Protein backbone atom coordinates (compact mmCIF):
# COMPACT_ATOMS: atom_id res chain seq x y z
CA MET A 1 57.26 25.69 108.86
CA LYS A 2 54.55 27.30 106.76
CA PRO A 3 56.04 29.34 103.87
CA SER A 4 55.77 33.10 104.33
CA TYR A 5 53.38 34.94 102.07
CA LEU A 6 56.30 37.31 101.40
CA ASN A 7 57.90 34.58 99.29
CA ARG A 8 55.70 35.88 96.48
CA LEU A 9 57.75 39.08 96.36
CA THR A 10 60.28 39.35 93.54
CA LEU A 11 63.65 41.06 93.40
CA ARG A 12 62.43 43.13 90.46
CA GLN A 13 59.53 44.45 92.54
CA ILE A 14 61.96 45.39 95.32
CA GLN A 15 64.26 47.15 92.85
CA VAL A 16 61.37 49.13 91.38
CA PHE A 17 60.06 50.03 94.84
CA LEU A 18 63.48 51.25 96.02
CA ALA A 19 63.90 53.34 92.86
CA VAL A 20 60.55 55.04 93.51
CA CYS A 21 61.58 55.63 97.15
CA ARG A 22 64.89 57.17 96.13
CA LEU A 23 63.55 59.35 93.32
CA HIS A 24 60.14 60.19 94.90
CA SER A 25 58.58 59.74 91.48
CA TYR A 26 57.06 56.93 89.41
CA SER A 27 58.04 58.63 86.15
CA LYS A 28 61.67 59.18 87.18
CA ALA A 29 61.92 55.59 88.41
CA ALA A 30 60.50 54.39 85.09
CA GLU A 31 63.08 56.44 83.18
CA GLU A 32 65.96 55.15 85.29
CA LEU A 33 64.85 51.52 84.98
CA ALA A 34 63.96 51.75 81.27
CA LEU A 35 60.32 50.89 82.01
CA THR A 36 57.03 52.59 81.26
CA GLN A 37 55.29 54.45 84.06
CA PRO A 38 52.30 52.03 83.96
CA ALA A 39 54.76 49.14 84.40
CA VAL A 40 56.21 50.79 87.50
CA SER A 41 52.72 51.44 88.86
CA ALA A 42 51.79 47.79 88.26
CA GLN A 43 54.84 46.55 90.16
CA ILE A 44 53.98 48.75 93.15
CA ARG A 45 50.34 47.60 93.09
CA GLN A 46 51.49 43.97 93.06
CA LEU A 47 53.74 44.64 96.05
CA GLU A 48 50.90 46.27 97.96
CA ALA A 49 48.63 43.34 97.09
CA VAL A 50 51.11 40.83 98.50
CA ILE A 51 51.75 42.83 101.67
CA GLY A 52 48.13 43.89 102.10
CA GLU A 53 49.03 47.47 102.97
CA SER A 54 49.65 50.76 101.17
CA LEU A 55 53.32 51.64 100.72
CA PHE A 56 52.89 55.31 99.86
CA ASP A 57 50.70 58.19 100.90
CA TYR A 58 49.89 60.64 98.09
CA LEU A 59 49.65 64.21 99.39
CA GLY A 60 49.15 66.55 96.51
CA LYS A 61 51.77 65.54 93.98
CA GLN A 62 54.23 64.29 96.61
CA LEU A 63 54.92 60.69 97.57
CA TYR A 64 55.47 59.84 101.23
CA LEU A 65 56.33 56.41 102.60
CA THR A 66 53.83 54.88 105.01
CA PRO A 67 55.17 53.08 108.12
CA VAL A 68 54.83 49.80 106.19
CA GLY A 69 56.66 51.37 103.25
CA LEU A 70 59.51 52.48 105.53
CA ALA A 71 59.81 48.94 106.92
CA LEU A 72 59.93 47.49 103.40
CA GLN A 73 62.50 50.09 102.33
CA ARG A 74 64.84 49.08 105.17
CA ALA A 75 64.39 45.38 104.42
CA GLY A 76 64.80 45.91 100.67
CA ARG A 77 68.04 47.83 101.09
CA ASP A 78 69.37 45.16 103.41
CA LEU A 79 68.43 42.41 100.97
CA LEU A 80 70.13 44.05 97.99
CA GLN A 81 73.24 44.84 100.03
CA ARG A 82 73.43 41.19 101.10
CA LEU A 83 73.18 40.07 97.48
CA VAL A 84 75.95 42.49 96.50
CA GLY A 85 78.06 41.09 99.33
CA LEU A 86 77.35 37.54 98.16
CA GLU A 87 78.41 38.45 94.61
CA MET A 88 81.69 39.81 95.96
CA GLU A 89 82.29 36.74 98.12
CA LEU A 90 81.71 34.42 95.16
CA ALA A 91 84.11 36.48 93.06
CA GLU A 92 86.67 36.34 95.86
CA LEU A 93 86.37 32.54 96.02
CA ARG A 94 87.23 32.56 92.32
CA GLY A 95 90.31 34.64 93.11
CA VAL A 96 88.94 37.96 91.81
CA MET A 97 88.15 41.08 93.82
CA GLN A 98 85.23 42.74 92.11
CA GLY A 99 82.06 44.63 92.91
CA THR A 100 81.23 48.21 93.81
CA LEU A 101 82.69 50.32 96.61
CA SER A 102 80.14 52.88 97.81
CA LEU A 103 81.71 55.76 99.74
CA ALA A 104 80.44 58.99 101.23
CA VAL A 105 83.08 61.51 102.33
CA GLU A 106 82.83 64.86 104.06
CA SER A 107 83.75 67.64 101.67
CA SER A 108 87.24 68.28 103.06
CA ALA A 109 88.19 64.67 102.31
CA GLN A 110 87.74 65.27 98.59
CA TYR A 111 91.25 66.73 98.52
CA PHE A 112 92.97 63.43 99.34
CA MET A 113 90.44 60.68 98.61
CA PRO A 114 90.93 60.58 94.79
CA ALA A 115 94.62 59.70 95.31
CA GLU A 116 93.65 56.91 97.73
CA LEU A 117 91.11 55.57 95.24
CA SER A 118 93.65 55.70 92.43
CA VAL A 119 96.10 53.51 94.36
CA PHE A 120 93.33 51.14 95.43
CA GLY A 121 91.98 50.97 91.87
CA ALA A 122 95.40 50.04 90.51
CA GLN A 123 95.46 47.08 92.91
CA TYR A 124 91.84 46.06 92.25
CA PRO A 125 90.96 47.17 88.70
CA ALA A 126 87.70 45.19 88.63
CA VAL A 127 86.22 47.25 91.49
CA ALA A 128 83.87 50.10 90.57
CA VAL A 129 83.59 53.13 92.86
CA VAL A 130 80.62 55.35 93.71
CA LEU A 131 81.75 58.44 95.66
CA GLU A 132 79.42 60.99 97.27
CA VAL A 133 80.84 64.26 98.65
CA VAL A 134 78.62 65.57 101.46
CA ASN A 135 78.66 67.80 104.53
CA HIS A 136 78.73 66.51 108.09
CA GLY A 137 74.96 66.52 108.55
CA GLU A 138 74.38 64.61 105.32
CA ALA A 139 77.11 62.12 106.29
CA LEU A 140 75.23 61.40 109.53
CA ARG A 141 71.98 60.89 107.61
CA ARG A 142 73.65 58.46 105.22
CA LEU A 143 75.09 56.55 108.16
CA ARG A 144 71.69 56.42 109.82
CA GLU A 145 70.09 55.04 106.66
CA ASN A 146 73.03 52.71 105.91
CA LEU A 147 73.39 54.00 102.35
CA ASP A 148 77.13 53.43 101.93
CA ASP A 149 79.80 50.82 102.56
CA LEU A 150 81.91 53.37 104.44
CA VAL A 151 81.58 57.02 105.41
CA VAL A 152 84.73 59.13 105.84
CA MET A 153 84.33 61.90 108.39
CA GLY A 154 86.45 64.09 110.64
CA GLN A 155 84.23 64.36 113.70
CA LEU A 156 82.28 61.49 115.16
CA PRO A 157 78.97 61.91 116.98
CA HIS A 158 78.97 60.67 120.56
CA ASP A 159 75.44 59.29 120.56
CA ARG A 160 75.62 56.76 117.74
CA ALA A 161 76.48 53.04 117.73
CA LEU A 162 79.28 53.30 115.20
CA ALA A 163 82.39 51.35 114.35
CA PHE A 164 85.23 53.63 113.25
CA THR A 165 88.87 53.40 112.23
CA PRO A 166 91.15 56.49 112.32
CA PHE A 167 93.51 56.49 109.35
CA ARG A 168 94.79 60.02 108.65
CA ASP A 169 95.58 63.24 110.52
CA ASN A 170 93.19 66.14 110.01
CA GLU A 171 94.52 69.55 111.13
CA LEU A 172 92.29 72.64 111.21
CA ILE A 173 94.27 75.85 110.71
CA ALA A 174 93.59 79.59 110.51
CA VAL A 175 94.30 81.21 107.15
CA ALA A 176 94.21 84.75 105.80
CA ALA A 177 95.12 86.73 102.69
CA PRO A 178 98.87 87.46 102.38
CA ASP A 179 98.33 91.20 103.01
CA HIS A 180 96.19 90.70 106.13
CA PRO A 181 97.37 92.78 109.14
CA LEU A 182 97.83 89.61 111.24
CA ALA A 183 99.99 87.86 108.62
CA GLY A 184 103.37 87.20 110.23
CA ALA A 185 102.17 87.95 113.78
CA GLN A 186 103.30 85.50 116.48
CA ALA A 187 101.11 83.58 118.97
CA ILE A 188 97.88 85.45 118.21
CA PRO A 189 95.37 85.00 121.07
CA LEU A 190 92.06 83.47 119.99
CA LEU A 191 90.26 86.40 121.63
CA GLN A 192 92.17 88.85 119.42
CA LEU A 193 91.34 86.77 116.35
CA SER A 194 87.64 86.85 117.26
CA VAL A 195 87.27 90.51 116.22
CA GLU A 196 87.97 89.48 112.61
CA ILE A 197 85.30 88.54 110.09
CA LEU A 198 85.16 84.74 109.99
CA LEU A 199 84.13 83.04 106.76
CA VAL A 200 82.22 79.84 107.55
CA ARG A 201 80.41 76.96 105.88
CA GLU A 202 76.79 76.05 106.55
CA ALA A 203 75.76 74.80 109.99
CA GLY A 204 76.03 71.16 108.87
CA SER A 205 79.76 71.46 108.14
CA GLY A 206 82.09 69.29 110.24
CA THR A 207 84.87 71.90 110.22
CA ARG A 208 82.49 74.60 111.44
CA LYS A 209 81.11 72.31 114.14
CA ALA A 210 84.60 71.40 115.38
CA PHE A 211 85.72 75.03 115.57
CA ASP A 212 82.45 76.17 117.16
CA THR A 213 82.94 73.53 119.85
CA TYR A 214 86.51 74.70 120.47
CA CYS A 215 85.44 78.36 120.70
CA HIS A 216 82.70 77.42 123.17
CA GLU A 217 85.27 75.61 125.32
CA GLN A 218 87.47 78.74 125.26
CA SER A 219 84.51 81.10 125.92
CA VAL A 220 85.27 83.01 122.73
CA VAL A 221 82.61 84.20 120.26
CA PHE A 222 83.18 85.30 116.66
CA ARG A 223 80.38 87.83 116.30
CA ARG A 224 81.08 88.77 112.69
CA GLN A 225 80.57 85.82 110.36
CA ARG A 226 79.86 85.43 106.68
CA GLN A 227 78.50 82.12 105.46
CA LEU A 228 79.71 80.85 102.09
CA GLY A 229 78.50 77.70 100.42
CA SER A 230 81.65 75.67 99.83
CA LEU A 231 85.31 75.27 100.73
CA GLU A 232 86.33 76.68 97.37
CA ALA A 233 84.14 79.76 97.87
CA ILE A 234 85.66 80.31 101.32
CA LYS A 235 89.21 80.07 99.99
CA ARG A 236 88.45 82.56 97.23
CA GLY A 237 86.75 84.82 99.78
CA VAL A 238 89.81 84.78 102.04
CA GLN A 239 92.07 85.55 99.08
CA ALA A 240 89.81 88.49 98.18
CA GLY A 241 90.02 89.92 101.71
CA LEU A 242 86.46 89.13 102.81
CA GLY A 243 87.73 87.68 106.07
CA ILE A 244 89.75 84.89 107.63
CA ALA A 245 88.81 81.21 107.83
CA ILE A 246 89.43 77.99 109.71
CA LEU A 247 90.11 75.27 107.15
CA PRO A 248 91.54 71.75 106.98
CA ARG A 249 95.22 72.03 106.12
CA GLU A 250 94.85 69.59 103.22
CA ALA A 251 92.02 71.66 101.71
CA CYS A 252 94.25 74.68 101.25
CA ALA A 253 97.72 73.10 100.91
CA SER A 254 98.23 74.25 97.31
CA GLU A 255 97.13 77.85 98.09
CA LEU A 256 99.54 77.98 101.04
CA ARG A 257 102.34 76.58 98.89
CA GLU A 258 101.73 79.12 96.14
CA GLY A 259 101.43 82.06 98.55
CA GLN A 260 97.77 82.76 97.79
CA LEU A 261 96.94 82.19 101.47
CA VAL A 262 99.03 82.46 104.62
CA LEU A 263 98.91 80.46 107.83
CA LEU A 264 98.06 82.50 110.93
CA ASP A 265 99.99 81.60 114.10
CA VAL A 266 97.06 81.33 116.55
CA ARG A 267 97.44 80.00 120.08
CA GLY A 268 95.74 76.63 120.41
CA LEU A 269 95.76 75.98 116.68
CA PRO A 270 95.97 73.82 114.70
CA LEU A 271 93.10 71.76 116.05
CA ARG A 272 94.20 68.16 115.62
CA ARG A 273 91.61 65.60 114.63
CA SER A 274 91.66 62.34 112.70
CA TRP A 275 89.91 61.27 109.54
CA CYS A 276 87.93 58.12 110.29
CA ALA A 277 86.30 55.45 108.16
CA VAL A 278 82.92 54.86 109.80
CA TYR A 279 80.05 52.40 109.49
CA PRO A 280 77.17 51.28 111.72
CA ARG A 281 78.27 48.94 114.49
CA GLY A 282 77.31 45.36 113.68
CA LYS A 283 77.35 45.90 109.92
CA ASN A 284 79.14 43.20 107.93
CA LEU A 285 81.53 44.86 105.51
CA THR A 286 81.66 43.53 101.97
CA PRO A 287 85.02 42.09 100.86
CA VAL A 288 85.59 45.21 98.74
CA ALA A 289 84.86 47.58 101.65
CA ALA A 290 87.06 45.53 103.99
CA ALA A 291 89.89 45.63 101.44
CA PHE A 292 89.58 49.41 101.09
CA LEU A 293 89.60 49.83 104.88
CA GLN A 294 92.81 47.77 104.99
CA HIS A 295 94.23 50.00 102.27
CA LEU A 296 93.42 53.18 104.22
CA THR A 297 95.08 51.88 107.39
CA GLY A 298 98.13 50.56 105.56
CA GLN A 299 97.46 46.94 106.49
CA SER A 300 98.49 44.20 104.13
CA GLY A 301 97.05 40.84 103.30
CA ALA A 302 93.96 39.56 101.59
CA VAL A 303 90.51 40.15 103.01
């Protein structure tokens, strides 16, 4: 078989190209890679010469990937991930679990994930961890682009080819300030609750999406809403009397324990979901990712 002209590509060129893709800047890529900007430009020109096509369009001062650039980006990511997996497999054959675990978690999972990582890290001290905390929409984008070993999310899309493993309960509850008129009321109808001001996250939030879906199923509309930018802001807003909120129980466990928030007894709540570890169907998990998935599900044994 005739050797492919792509054999002239080097790993360094691929690394430089992916850095430019990620940072949308030659100068930022140069800074990250400890290179000069002309050196980065030269690497990209060499890549384009080998492939015979432009990799970027330059519109104003913005870089945009061409269709050929997008194809190379996908292949480059896959290549580097395979090399990382190979490094882990070789380490495992030597009896050592090492490498990097790349995780993206929806924001509500940040309240329990550090404890899980602490236990896992004690078992595998040679494993490094990169953790990204994102909203539901960003989690879907990262899944689509295969940027992480695993994505932890509370609500799965129905139109994606995904492999997923449930590993933890995720209850969505209604909370209010301790002096709220509904505090202590029994079996509050959802329709009665809907006249309250509801504090919500942005539209890409998984918790908001899950509760919006439930309200639609019940034909109930919360007409008065105030959007706040984070779970912490919503909790502080509820405490200050700005409104009520629907939150994951684990996200406000300490505030409930300390009496800063109270649980509202609403018919149909809590909404019961599961936290799932998710990855694209057909993806081969690295030994480190497979070990962490076993840890989450309480399974024992070596990967």
